[in-house]
């Protein structure tokens, strides 16, 4: 489990293509405290540490995970949001996040508004019932508040406001219109939607 509070921005230092795909990720984490087999949220995807060095760790990503996330776009030099898994007693600063991606969205607009950035994200219309104004959504591993939602037949467009601090400490500092992003909806929204469908 995670909180969606980004604690480091890692960088893809190496991509190894084999039956699956291995990414070597450089990080500021103290790797002495990270065990082989530990879970780390990488760009919002829960991945398992399979190797480590003092300043990096490696993860293997299956073809299925590459298909249903934006990880297939990762290349050497890509910056990604990182978060270590929760420990009992840790502060819950964001919202409960599992690291299981629900869909891939696309940044439809990325524009300065004062000192902040207004980021519009487009997702498939089939997921619109899981997004609500002032609700939480996890975008590339960052817990963010939805400022507004617009629906159409083909898509759902929701808006996020990125304050300067969020821009500085996340990979959004390198984001641009057209980028793909991993989306995880609030777990409570999923249960509410299921209850309504059973209604």
N, C-alpha and C. Protein backbone atom coordinates (compact mmCIF):
# COMPACT_ATOMS: atom_id res chain seq x y z
N UNK A 1 0.84 -1.19 0.00
CA UNK A 1 0.00 0.00 0.00
C UNK A 1 0.88 1.25 0.00
N UNK A 2 0.34 2.31 -0.59
CA UNK A 2 1.07 3.57 -0.71
C UNK A 2 0.12 4.72 -0.38
N UNK A 3 0.69 5.94 -0.34
CA UNK A 3 -0.13 7.11 -0.05
C UNK A 3 -0.26 8.06 -1.24
N UNK A 4 0.53 7.84 -2.27
CA UNK A 4 0.54 8.78 -3.39
C UNK A 4 1.34 10.04 -3.09
N UNK A 5 2.16 9.99 -2.04
CA UNK A 5 3.06 11.10 -1.72
C UNK A 5 4.44 10.75 -2.27
N UNK A 6 4.85 11.45 -3.31
CA UNK A 6 6.13 11.16 -3.97
C UNK A 6 7.28 11.51 -3.04
N UNK A 7 8.17 10.54 -2.81
CA UNK A 7 9.30 10.77 -1.90
C UNK A 7 10.64 10.86 -2.61
N UNK A 8 10.64 10.57 -3.91
CA UNK A 8 11.86 10.75 -4.69
C UNK A 8 11.47 10.75 -6.17
N UNK A 9 12.21 11.49 -6.97
CA UNK A 9 12.06 11.41 -8.42
C UNK A 9 13.27 10.64 -8.93
N UNK A 10 13.02 9.41 -9.38
CA UNK A 10 14.10 8.58 -9.89
C UNK A 10 14.32 8.82 -11.37
N UNK A 11 15.37 8.21 -11.88
CA UNK A 11 15.68 8.35 -13.31
C UNK A 11 16.02 6.98 -13.87
N UNK A 12 15.45 6.67 -15.04
CA UNK A 12 15.78 5.41 -15.70
C UNK A 12 17.21 5.51 -16.22
N UNK A 13 18.09 4.67 -15.66
CA UNK A 13 19.49 4.72 -16.09
C UNK A 13 19.84 3.64 -17.11
N UNK A 14 18.99 2.60 -17.18
CA UNK A 14 19.26 1.54 -18.16
C UNK A 14 17.97 0.78 -18.44
N UNK A 15 17.78 0.40 -19.69
CA UNK A 15 16.65 -0.43 -20.10
C UNK A 15 17.20 -1.70 -20.74
N UNK A 16 16.80 -2.85 -20.23
CA UNK A 16 17.26 -4.13 -20.75
C UNK A 16 16.06 -4.88 -21.29
N UNK A 17 16.07 -5.17 -22.58
CA UNK A 17 14.98 -5.91 -23.21
C UNK A 17 15.33 -7.39 -23.26
N UNK A 18 14.48 -8.20 -22.64
CA UNK A 18 14.60 -9.65 -22.75
C UNK A 18 13.19 -10.20 -22.94
N UNK A 19 12.84 -11.32 -22.33
CA UNK A 19 11.48 -11.83 -22.46
C UNK A 19 10.48 -10.80 -21.93
N UNK A 20 10.86 -10.13 -20.85
CA UNK A 20 10.09 -9.01 -20.33
C UNK A 20 10.93 -7.75 -20.53
N UNK A 21 10.91 -6.82 -19.61
CA UNK A 21 11.77 -5.65 -19.70
C UNK A 21 12.27 -5.31 -18.31
N UNK A 22 13.58 -5.08 -18.20
CA UNK A 22 14.17 -4.70 -16.92
C UNK A 22 14.56 -3.23 -16.99
N UNK A 23 14.17 -2.50 -15.94
CA UNK A 23 14.56 -1.10 -15.81
C UNK A 23 15.48 -0.96 -14.61
N UNK A 24 16.59 -0.27 -14.81
CA UNK A 24 17.47 0.10 -13.70
C UNK A 24 17.16 1.56 -13.38
N UNK A 25 16.81 1.83 -12.12
CA UNK A 25 16.32 3.15 -11.72
C UNK A 25 17.26 3.75 -10.68
N UNK A 26 17.85 4.89 -10.99
CA UNK A 26 18.69 5.58 -10.02
C UNK A 26 17.80 6.32 -9.04
N UNK A 27 18.22 6.37 -7.78
CA UNK A 27 17.38 6.94 -6.73
C UNK A 27 18.23 7.51 -5.60
N UNK A 28 17.60 8.42 -4.84
CA UNK A 28 18.24 8.96 -3.64
C UNK A 28 17.86 8.16 -2.40
N UNK A 29 17.02 7.12 -2.55
CA UNK A 29 16.66 6.28 -1.41
C UNK A 29 17.92 5.67 -0.79
N UNK A 30 17.90 5.46 0.51
CA UNK A 30 18.95 4.72 1.19
C UNK A 30 18.71 3.24 0.89
N UNK A 31 19.44 2.70 -0.07
CA UNK A 31 19.17 1.34 -0.51
C UNK A 31 19.57 0.29 0.51
N UNK A 32 20.33 0.69 1.54
CA UNK A 32 20.63 -0.25 2.62
C UNK A 32 19.37 -0.67 3.36
N UNK A 33 18.34 0.18 3.31
CA UNK A 33 17.09 -0.11 4.02
C UNK A 33 16.02 -0.70 3.11
N UNK A 34 16.39 -1.00 1.86
CA UNK A 34 15.45 -1.59 0.90
C UNK A 34 15.88 -3.03 0.63
N UNK A 35 15.00 -3.97 0.92
CA UNK A 35 15.29 -5.38 0.72
C UNK A 35 14.98 -5.81 -0.71
N UNK A 36 15.71 -6.83 -1.18
CA UNK A 36 15.32 -7.48 -2.42
C UNK A 36 13.92 -8.07 -2.20
N UNK A 37 13.03 -7.85 -3.14
CA UNK A 37 11.64 -8.29 -2.99
C UNK A 37 10.72 -7.22 -2.46
N UNK A 38 11.28 -6.07 -2.05
CA UNK A 38 10.45 -4.96 -1.56
C UNK A 38 9.64 -4.37 -2.70
N UNK A 39 8.49 -3.77 -2.35
CA UNK A 39 7.65 -3.11 -3.34
C UNK A 39 7.91 -1.61 -3.33
N UNK A 40 8.07 -1.04 -4.52
CA UNK A 40 8.23 0.40 -4.67
C UNK A 40 7.27 0.84 -5.78
N UNK A 41 6.51 1.92 -5.53
CA UNK A 41 5.64 2.47 -6.56
C UNK A 41 6.51 3.30 -7.51
N UNK A 42 6.52 2.90 -8.77
CA UNK A 42 7.33 3.55 -9.80
C UNK A 42 6.40 4.12 -10.86
N UNK A 43 6.26 5.44 -10.87
CA UNK A 43 5.31 6.05 -11.79
C UNK A 43 3.89 5.58 -11.54
N UNK A 44 3.61 5.23 -10.28
CA UNK A 44 2.27 4.78 -9.91
C UNK A 44 2.04 3.29 -10.03
N UNK A 45 3.06 2.54 -10.45
CA UNK A 45 2.93 1.10 -10.62
C UNK A 45 3.74 0.39 -9.55
N UNK A 46 3.10 -0.52 -8.82
CA UNK A 46 3.79 -1.28 -7.77
C UNK A 46 4.71 -2.31 -8.43
N UNK A 47 6.02 -2.15 -8.22
CA UNK A 47 7.01 -3.04 -8.82
C UNK A 47 7.92 -3.62 -7.73
N UNK A 48 8.52 -4.77 -8.03
CA UNK A 48 9.34 -5.50 -7.06
C UNK A 48 10.82 -5.28 -7.34
N UNK A 49 11.56 -4.96 -6.29
CA UNK A 49 13.01 -4.79 -6.40
C UNK A 49 13.66 -6.16 -6.59
N UNK A 50 14.37 -6.34 -7.71
CA UNK A 50 15.01 -7.63 -7.99
C UNK A 50 16.53 -7.57 -7.87
N UNK A 51 17.10 -6.38 -7.98
CA UNK A 51 18.54 -6.16 -7.76
C UNK A 51 18.70 -4.75 -7.23
N UNK A 52 19.83 -4.49 -6.58
CA UNK A 52 20.07 -3.13 -6.10
C UNK A 52 21.55 -2.85 -6.01
N UNK A 53 21.89 -1.56 -6.06
CA UNK A 53 23.23 -1.05 -5.80
C UNK A 53 23.05 0.04 -4.74
N UNK A 54 24.12 0.67 -4.27
CA UNK A 54 23.95 1.74 -3.28
C UNK A 54 23.08 2.91 -3.76
N UNK A 55 22.97 3.12 -5.07
CA UNK A 55 22.19 4.27 -5.55
C UNK A 55 21.22 3.93 -6.68
N UNK A 56 20.85 2.65 -6.79
CA UNK A 56 19.87 2.26 -7.80
C UNK A 56 19.20 0.95 -7.44
N UNK A 57 18.10 0.67 -8.12
CA UNK A 57 17.46 -0.64 -7.98
C UNK A 57 16.91 -1.04 -9.35
N UNK A 58 16.70 -2.35 -9.52
CA UNK A 58 16.21 -2.87 -10.78
C UNK A 58 14.86 -3.53 -10.57
N UNK A 59 13.99 -3.40 -11.59
CA UNK A 59 12.67 -4.01 -11.57
C UNK A 59 12.42 -4.70 -12.91
N UNK A 60 11.69 -5.82 -12.86
CA UNK A 60 11.29 -6.50 -14.08
C UNK A 60 9.82 -6.20 -14.34
N UNK A 61 9.48 -5.89 -15.58
CA UNK A 61 8.11 -5.54 -15.96
C UNK A 61 7.65 -6.49 -17.06
N UNK A 62 6.53 -7.17 -16.83
CA UNK A 62 6.02 -8.14 -17.78
C UNK A 62 5.42 -7.45 -19.01
N UNK A 63 5.23 -8.23 -20.06
CA UNK A 63 4.61 -7.69 -21.28
C UNK A 63 3.19 -7.19 -20.99
N UNK A 64 2.47 -7.88 -20.10
CA UNK A 64 1.12 -7.45 -19.76
C UNK A 64 1.14 -6.09 -19.07
N UNK A 65 2.07 -5.89 -18.14
CA UNK A 65 2.17 -4.60 -17.46
C UNK A 65 2.56 -3.49 -18.44
N UNK A 66 3.43 -3.82 -19.38
CA UNK A 66 3.81 -2.83 -20.40
C UNK A 66 2.60 -2.46 -21.25
N UNK A 67 1.71 -3.44 -21.49
CA UNK A 67 0.55 -3.20 -22.34
C UNK A 67 -0.49 -2.29 -21.68
N UNK A 68 -0.67 -2.41 -20.36
CA UNK A 68 -1.77 -1.71 -19.69
C UNK A 68 -1.31 -0.48 -18.90
N UNK A 69 -0.05 -0.10 -19.03
CA UNK A 69 0.47 1.09 -18.36
C UNK A 69 1.26 1.93 -19.35
N UNK A 70 1.80 3.04 -18.87
CA UNK A 70 2.64 3.89 -19.73
C UNK A 70 4.12 3.50 -19.65
N UNK A 71 4.44 2.41 -18.97
CA UNK A 71 5.84 2.03 -18.77
C UNK A 71 6.55 1.68 -20.08
N UNK A 72 5.78 1.33 -21.10
CA UNK A 72 6.40 1.02 -22.39
C UNK A 72 7.06 2.25 -23.00
N UNK A 73 6.68 3.44 -22.51
CA UNK A 73 7.28 4.69 -23.01
C UNK A 73 8.55 5.08 -22.26
N UNK A 74 8.85 4.38 -21.16
CA UNK A 74 10.05 4.72 -20.41
C UNK A 74 11.30 4.45 -21.24
N UNK A 75 12.24 5.38 -21.16
CA UNK A 75 13.51 5.24 -21.86
C UNK A 75 14.61 5.76 -20.94
N UNK A 76 15.85 5.51 -21.30
CA UNK A 76 16.96 6.02 -20.50
C UNK A 76 16.84 7.54 -20.38
N UNK A 77 16.91 8.02 -19.14
CA UNK A 77 16.78 9.45 -18.87
C UNK A 77 15.40 9.86 -18.41
N UNK A 78 14.39 8.99 -18.58
CA UNK A 78 13.04 9.32 -18.12
C UNK A 78 13.02 9.50 -16.61
N UNK A 79 12.33 10.55 -16.15
CA UNK A 79 12.15 10.76 -14.71
C UNK A 79 10.82 10.17 -14.28
N UNK A 80 10.82 9.50 -13.12
CA UNK A 80 9.60 8.86 -12.64
C UNK A 80 9.43 9.11 -11.14
N UNK A 81 8.16 9.23 -10.75
CA UNK A 81 7.83 9.40 -9.33
C UNK A 81 8.02 8.09 -8.59
N UNK A 82 8.65 8.16 -7.41
CA UNK A 82 8.90 6.97 -6.60
C UNK A 82 8.31 7.14 -5.21
N UNK A 83 7.80 6.03 -4.67
CA UNK A 83 7.35 6.00 -3.27
C UNK A 83 7.56 4.60 -2.73
N UNK A 84 8.18 4.51 -1.55
CA UNK A 84 8.32 3.22 -0.88
C UNK A 84 6.99 2.85 -0.23
N UNK A 85 6.78 1.57 0.00
CA UNK A 85 5.51 1.11 0.56
C UNK A 85 5.36 1.56 2.01
N UNK A 86 4.11 1.66 2.43
CA UNK A 86 3.78 2.10 3.78
C UNK A 86 4.23 1.10 4.83
N UNK A 87 4.63 1.64 5.98
CA UNK A 87 4.85 0.82 7.17
C UNK A 87 3.77 1.16 8.18
N UNK A 88 3.43 0.22 9.04
CA UNK A 88 2.43 0.46 10.07
C UNK A 88 2.84 1.66 10.90
N UNK A 89 1.96 2.64 11.03
CA UNK A 89 2.25 3.84 11.81
C UNK A 89 2.72 5.02 10.99
N UNK A 90 2.99 4.80 9.67
CA UNK A 90 3.39 5.91 8.80
C UNK A 90 2.25 6.91 8.64
N UNK A 91 2.61 8.17 8.43
CA UNK A 91 1.61 9.21 8.19
C UNK A 91 0.94 8.99 6.84
N UNK A 92 -0.38 9.08 6.82
CA UNK A 92 -1.13 8.95 5.58
C UNK A 92 -1.41 10.35 5.04
N UNK A 93 -0.45 10.87 4.24
CA UNK A 93 -0.55 12.25 3.79
C UNK A 93 -1.36 12.44 2.53
N UNK A 94 -1.54 11.37 1.75
CA UNK A 94 -2.32 11.48 0.51
C UNK A 94 -3.62 10.72 0.66
N UNK A 95 -3.78 9.64 -0.11
CA UNK A 95 -4.92 8.74 0.08
C UNK A 95 -4.43 7.32 -0.18
N UNK A 96 -5.22 6.32 0.18
CA UNK A 96 -4.80 4.94 0.01
C UNK A 96 -4.63 4.62 -1.47
N UNK A 97 -3.45 4.13 -1.82
CA UNK A 97 -3.09 3.81 -3.20
C UNK A 97 -2.52 2.39 -3.22
N UNK A 98 -2.92 1.61 -4.21
CA UNK A 98 -2.46 0.22 -4.27
C UNK A 98 -1.29 0.00 -5.24
N UNK A 99 -1.12 0.92 -6.19
CA UNK A 99 -0.09 0.71 -7.21
C UNK A 99 -0.58 -0.15 -8.36
N UNK A 100 -1.91 -0.34 -8.45
CA UNK A 100 -2.51 -1.09 -9.55
C UNK A 100 -3.22 -0.11 -10.49
N UNK A 101 -2.70 0.03 -11.68
CA UNK A 101 -3.18 1.03 -12.63
C UNK A 101 -4.55 0.63 -13.20
N UNK A 102 -5.50 1.57 -13.17
CA UNK A 102 -6.83 1.32 -13.72
C UNK A 102 -6.91 1.62 -15.21
N UNK A 103 -6.21 2.65 -15.64
CA UNK A 103 -6.20 2.99 -17.07
C UNK A 103 -5.04 3.93 -17.34
N UNK A 104 -4.76 4.12 -18.60
CA UNK A 104 -3.75 5.09 -19.04
C UNK A 104 -4.48 6.32 -19.56
N UNK A 105 -4.13 7.48 -19.01
CA UNK A 105 -4.69 8.74 -19.48
C UNK A 105 -3.68 9.49 -20.32
N UNK A 106 -4.09 10.65 -20.80
CA UNK A 106 -3.18 11.49 -21.59
C UNK A 106 -3.35 12.94 -21.17
N UNK A 107 -2.22 13.63 -21.01
CA UNK A 107 -2.29 15.04 -20.66
C UNK A 107 -2.82 15.81 -21.86
N UNK A 108 -4.00 16.42 -21.67
CA UNK A 108 -4.66 17.14 -22.76
C UNK A 108 -4.29 18.62 -22.77
N UNK A 109 -3.91 19.15 -21.60
CA UNK A 109 -3.47 20.54 -21.50
C UNK A 109 -2.52 20.66 -20.32
N UNK A 110 -1.52 21.51 -20.47
CA UNK A 110 -0.52 21.70 -19.43
C UNK A 110 -0.09 23.16 -19.52
N UNK A 111 -0.75 24.03 -18.74
CA UNK A 111 -0.54 25.46 -18.92
C UNK A 111 -0.40 26.19 -17.59
N UNK A 112 0.42 27.22 -17.59
CA UNK A 112 0.64 28.01 -16.38
C UNK A 112 -0.57 28.87 -16.07
N UNK A 113 -0.96 28.86 -14.80
CA UNK A 113 -2.02 29.74 -14.29
C UNK A 113 -1.48 30.34 -13.00
N UNK A 114 -1.00 31.59 -13.07
CA UNK A 114 -0.30 32.16 -11.94
C UNK A 114 0.99 31.39 -11.72
N UNK A 115 1.26 31.01 -10.47
CA UNK A 115 2.45 30.22 -10.17
C UNK A 115 2.22 28.73 -10.30
N UNK A 116 0.98 28.34 -10.53
CA UNK A 116 0.63 26.93 -10.64
C UNK A 116 0.53 26.49 -12.09
N UNK A 117 0.36 25.18 -12.25
CA UNK A 117 0.12 24.60 -13.57
C UNK A 117 -1.26 23.95 -13.55
N UNK A 118 -2.07 24.26 -14.55
CA UNK A 118 -3.36 23.57 -14.71
C UNK A 118 -3.12 22.42 -15.68
N UNK A 119 -3.34 21.22 -15.18
CA UNK A 119 -3.13 20.03 -15.99
C UNK A 119 -4.47 19.34 -16.21
N UNK A 120 -4.87 19.23 -17.48
CA UNK A 120 -6.08 18.50 -17.85
C UNK A 120 -5.68 17.12 -18.32
N UNK A 121 -6.36 16.11 -17.81
CA UNK A 121 -6.06 14.73 -18.16
C UNK A 121 -7.29 14.09 -18.79
N UNK A 122 -7.10 13.47 -19.94
CA UNK A 122 -8.18 12.78 -20.64
C UNK A 122 -8.10 11.29 -20.34
N UNK A 123 -9.24 10.69 -19.96
CA UNK A 123 -9.31 9.25 -19.73
C UNK A 123 -10.50 8.70 -20.52
N UNK A 124 -10.54 7.39 -20.77
CA UNK A 124 -11.68 6.81 -21.50
C UNK A 124 -12.99 7.06 -20.76
N UNK A 125 -14.05 7.31 -21.52
CA UNK A 125 -15.36 7.65 -20.95
C UNK A 125 -15.89 6.57 -20.01
N UNK A 126 -15.47 5.33 -20.22
CA UNK A 126 -15.98 4.23 -19.39
C UNK A 126 -15.59 4.36 -17.92
N UNK A 127 -14.61 5.22 -17.62
CA UNK A 127 -14.15 5.40 -16.23
C UNK A 127 -14.68 6.67 -15.58
N UNK A 128 -15.53 7.42 -16.27
CA UNK A 128 -15.93 8.74 -15.77
C UNK A 128 -16.65 8.68 -14.42
N UNK A 129 -17.32 7.55 -14.13
CA UNK A 129 -18.05 7.43 -12.87
C UNK A 129 -17.13 7.30 -11.66
N UNK A 130 -15.82 7.17 -11.91
CA UNK A 130 -14.85 7.01 -10.83
C UNK A 130 -14.11 8.30 -10.50
N UNK A 131 -14.45 9.40 -11.19
CA UNK A 131 -13.80 10.69 -10.96
C UNK A 131 -14.85 11.69 -10.50
N UNK A 132 -14.54 12.43 -9.43
CA UNK A 132 -15.48 13.42 -8.91
C UNK A 132 -14.73 14.69 -8.51
N UNK A 133 -15.37 15.82 -8.73
CA UNK A 133 -14.79 17.10 -8.32
C UNK A 133 -14.49 17.08 -6.83
N UNK A 134 -13.29 17.53 -6.46
CA UNK A 134 -12.77 17.56 -5.09
C UNK A 134 -12.43 16.18 -4.55
N UNK A 135 -12.54 15.16 -5.41
CA UNK A 135 -12.13 13.83 -5.00
C UNK A 135 -10.63 13.64 -5.26
N UNK A 136 -10.12 12.47 -4.92
CA UNK A 136 -8.70 12.17 -5.10
C UNK A 136 -8.50 11.24 -6.29
N UNK A 137 -7.39 11.42 -6.97
CA UNK A 137 -6.99 10.52 -8.04
C UNK A 137 -5.47 10.44 -8.00
N UNK A 138 -4.94 9.28 -8.37
CA UNK A 138 -3.49 9.09 -8.38
C UNK A 138 -3.02 9.13 -9.84
N UNK A 139 -2.16 10.09 -10.15
CA UNK A 139 -1.63 10.28 -11.50
C UNK A 139 -0.12 10.05 -11.47
N UNK A 140 0.35 9.03 -12.17
CA UNK A 140 1.78 8.67 -12.17
C UNK A 140 2.33 8.56 -10.75
N UNK A 141 1.51 8.04 -9.83
CA UNK A 141 1.97 7.80 -8.47
C UNK A 141 1.80 8.96 -7.52
N UNK A 142 1.25 10.07 -7.97
CA UNK A 142 1.06 11.25 -7.11
C UNK A 142 -0.42 11.41 -6.77
N UNK A 143 -0.72 11.52 -5.49
CA UNK A 143 -2.09 11.75 -5.04
C UNK A 143 -2.45 13.21 -5.28
N UNK A 144 -3.49 13.44 -6.09
CA UNK A 144 -3.86 14.79 -6.47
C UNK A 144 -5.36 15.00 -6.31
N UNK A 145 -5.76 16.26 -6.15
CA UNK A 145 -7.18 16.61 -5.99
C UNK A 145 -7.75 17.05 -7.32
N UNK A 146 -8.92 16.51 -7.65
CA UNK A 146 -9.60 16.86 -8.89
C UNK A 146 -10.32 18.19 -8.71
N UNK A 147 -10.00 19.17 -9.56
CA UNK A 147 -10.63 20.49 -9.48
C UNK A 147 -11.91 20.59 -10.29
N UNK A 148 -12.01 19.84 -11.36
CA UNK A 148 -13.19 19.89 -12.20
C UNK A 148 -13.24 18.69 -13.12
N UNK A 149 -14.45 18.36 -13.59
CA UNK A 149 -14.65 17.21 -14.47
C UNK A 149 -15.59 17.60 -15.61
N UNK A 150 -15.24 17.22 -16.83
CA UNK A 150 -16.10 17.43 -17.99
C UNK A 150 -16.24 16.10 -18.73
N UNK A 151 -17.48 15.72 -19.01
CA UNK A 151 -17.75 14.45 -19.68
C UNK A 151 -18.21 14.69 -21.12
N UNK A 152 -17.84 13.76 -21.99
CA UNK A 152 -18.38 13.72 -23.34
C UNK A 152 -18.63 12.26 -23.68
N UNK A 153 -19.12 11.99 -24.86
CA UNK A 153 -19.40 10.60 -25.25
C UNK A 153 -18.14 9.76 -25.31
N UNK A 154 -17.02 10.38 -25.68
CA UNK A 154 -15.80 9.62 -25.94
C UNK A 154 -14.76 9.66 -24.83
N UNK A 155 -14.86 10.66 -23.95
CA UNK A 155 -13.81 10.79 -22.94
C UNK A 155 -14.34 11.51 -21.71
N UNK A 156 -13.54 11.40 -20.67
CA UNK A 156 -13.74 12.20 -19.47
C UNK A 156 -12.49 13.04 -19.30
N UNK A 157 -12.68 14.32 -19.07
CA UNK A 157 -11.55 15.24 -18.91
C UNK A 157 -11.61 15.79 -17.49
N UNK A 158 -10.54 15.56 -16.72
CA UNK A 158 -10.51 16.15 -15.38
C UNK A 158 -9.31 17.06 -15.24
N UNK A 159 -9.45 18.07 -14.37
CA UNK A 159 -8.42 19.10 -14.20
C UNK A 159 -7.76 18.97 -12.84
N UNK A 160 -6.47 19.19 -12.83
CA UNK A 160 -5.63 19.15 -11.63
C UNK A 160 -4.87 20.46 -11.55
N UNK A 161 -4.65 20.97 -10.34
CA UNK A 161 -3.81 22.15 -10.16
C UNK A 161 -2.51 21.71 -9.49
N UNK A 162 -1.40 21.97 -10.15
CA UNK A 162 -0.09 21.62 -9.61
C UNK A 162 0.56 22.87 -9.03
N UNK A 163 0.63 22.93 -7.69
CA UNK A 163 1.27 24.08 -7.05
C UNK A 163 2.78 24.00 -7.27
N UNK A 164 3.52 25.11 -7.07
CA UNK A 164 4.97 25.08 -7.31
C UNK A 164 5.70 23.96 -6.59
N UNK A 165 5.32 23.67 -5.33
CA UNK A 165 5.99 22.60 -4.59
C UNK A 165 5.83 21.26 -5.31
N UNK A 166 4.61 20.96 -5.76
CA UNK A 166 4.36 19.70 -6.46
C UNK A 166 5.16 19.62 -7.75
N UNK A 167 5.29 20.75 -8.44
CA UNK A 167 6.08 20.78 -9.67
C UNK A 167 7.55 20.46 -9.38
N UNK A 168 8.05 20.96 -8.25
CA UNK A 168 9.47 20.80 -7.92
C UNK A 168 9.82 19.38 -7.51
N UNK A 169 8.91 18.68 -6.81
CA UNK A 169 9.26 17.40 -6.19
C UNK A 169 8.67 16.19 -6.91
N UNK A 170 8.13 16.39 -8.11
CA UNK A 170 7.59 15.28 -8.88
C UNK A 170 8.10 15.33 -10.32
N UNK A 171 7.83 14.26 -11.04
CA UNK A 171 8.24 14.20 -12.44
C UNK A 171 7.41 15.11 -13.33
N UNK A 172 6.36 15.73 -12.77
CA UNK A 172 5.54 16.65 -13.57
C UNK A 172 6.34 17.87 -14.03
N UNK A 173 7.49 18.12 -13.42
CA UNK A 173 8.32 19.24 -13.85
C UNK A 173 8.81 19.05 -15.29
N UNK A 174 8.75 17.80 -15.79
CA UNK A 174 9.17 17.51 -17.16
C UNK A 174 7.99 17.15 -18.07
N UNK A 175 6.77 17.26 -17.54
CA UNK A 175 5.59 16.82 -18.30
C UNK A 175 5.21 17.81 -19.39
N UNK A 176 4.43 17.31 -20.34
CA UNK A 176 3.98 18.16 -21.45
C UNK A 176 2.68 17.59 -22.02
N UNK A 177 1.97 18.43 -22.75
CA UNK A 177 0.75 17.99 -23.43
C UNK A 177 1.06 16.79 -24.32
N UNK A 178 0.21 15.78 -24.24
CA UNK A 178 0.39 14.57 -25.05
C UNK A 178 1.02 13.42 -24.31
N UNK A 179 1.64 13.68 -23.16
CA UNK A 179 2.26 12.61 -22.38
C UNK A 179 1.20 11.64 -21.87
N UNK A 180 1.53 10.35 -21.85
CA UNK A 180 0.68 9.35 -21.24
C UNK A 180 0.96 9.30 -19.74
N UNK A 181 -0.09 9.05 -18.96
CA UNK A 181 0.06 8.98 -17.50
C UNK A 181 -0.74 7.80 -16.96
N UNK A 182 -0.21 7.18 -15.91
CA UNK A 182 -0.88 6.07 -15.25
C UNK A 182 -1.91 6.61 -14.27
N UNK A 183 -3.13 6.08 -14.34
CA UNK A 183 -4.22 6.55 -13.50
C UNK A 183 -4.68 5.42 -12.57
N UNK A 184 -4.77 5.75 -11.28
CA UNK A 184 -5.41 4.85 -10.31
C UNK A 184 -6.49 5.65 -9.59
N UNK A 185 -7.71 5.15 -9.66
CA UNK A 185 -8.82 5.83 -9.02
C UNK A 185 -8.88 5.50 -7.53
N UNK A 186 -9.51 6.40 -6.79
CA UNK A 186 -9.66 6.21 -5.35
C UNK A 186 -10.38 4.90 -5.07
N UNK A 187 -9.83 4.11 -4.16
CA UNK A 187 -10.41 2.80 -3.86
C UNK A 187 -11.85 2.92 -3.36
N UNK A 188 -12.16 3.99 -2.63
CA UNK A 188 -13.53 4.19 -2.14
C UNK A 188 -14.49 4.43 -3.30
N UNK A 189 -14.02 5.15 -4.32
CA UNK A 189 -14.86 5.41 -5.49
C UNK A 189 -15.23 4.11 -6.18
N UNK A 190 -14.32 3.15 -6.19
CA UNK A 190 -14.59 1.86 -6.83
C UNK A 190 -15.71 1.12 -6.10
N UNK A 191 -15.64 1.12 -4.77
CA UNK A 191 -16.66 0.40 -4.00
C UNK A 191 -18.02 1.08 -4.10
N UNK A 192 -18.03 2.41 -4.08
CA UNK A 192 -19.29 3.14 -4.23
C UNK A 192 -19.91 2.84 -5.60
N UNK A 193 -19.07 2.85 -6.64
CA UNK A 193 -19.57 2.57 -7.99
C UNK A 193 -20.13 1.17 -8.07
N UNK A 194 -19.48 0.22 -7.44
CA UNK A 194 -19.97 -1.17 -7.46
C UNK A 194 -21.31 -1.29 -6.74
N UNK A 195 -21.43 -0.63 -5.60
CA UNK A 195 -22.69 -0.66 -4.85
C UNK A 195 -23.83 -0.06 -5.66
N UNK A 196 -23.54 1.04 -6.36
CA UNK A 196 -24.57 1.69 -7.18
C UNK A 196 -25.00 0.79 -8.33
N UNK A 197 -24.04 0.06 -8.92
CA UNK A 197 -24.35 -0.82 -10.03
C UNK A 197 -25.18 -2.03 -9.59
N UNK A 198 -25.04 -2.40 -8.31
CA UNK A 198 -25.83 -3.52 -7.79
C UNK A 198 -27.23 -3.08 -7.39
N UNK A 199 -27.37 -1.72 -7.24
CA UNK A 199 -28.53 -1.07 -6.76
C UNK A 199 -29.85 -1.49 -7.14
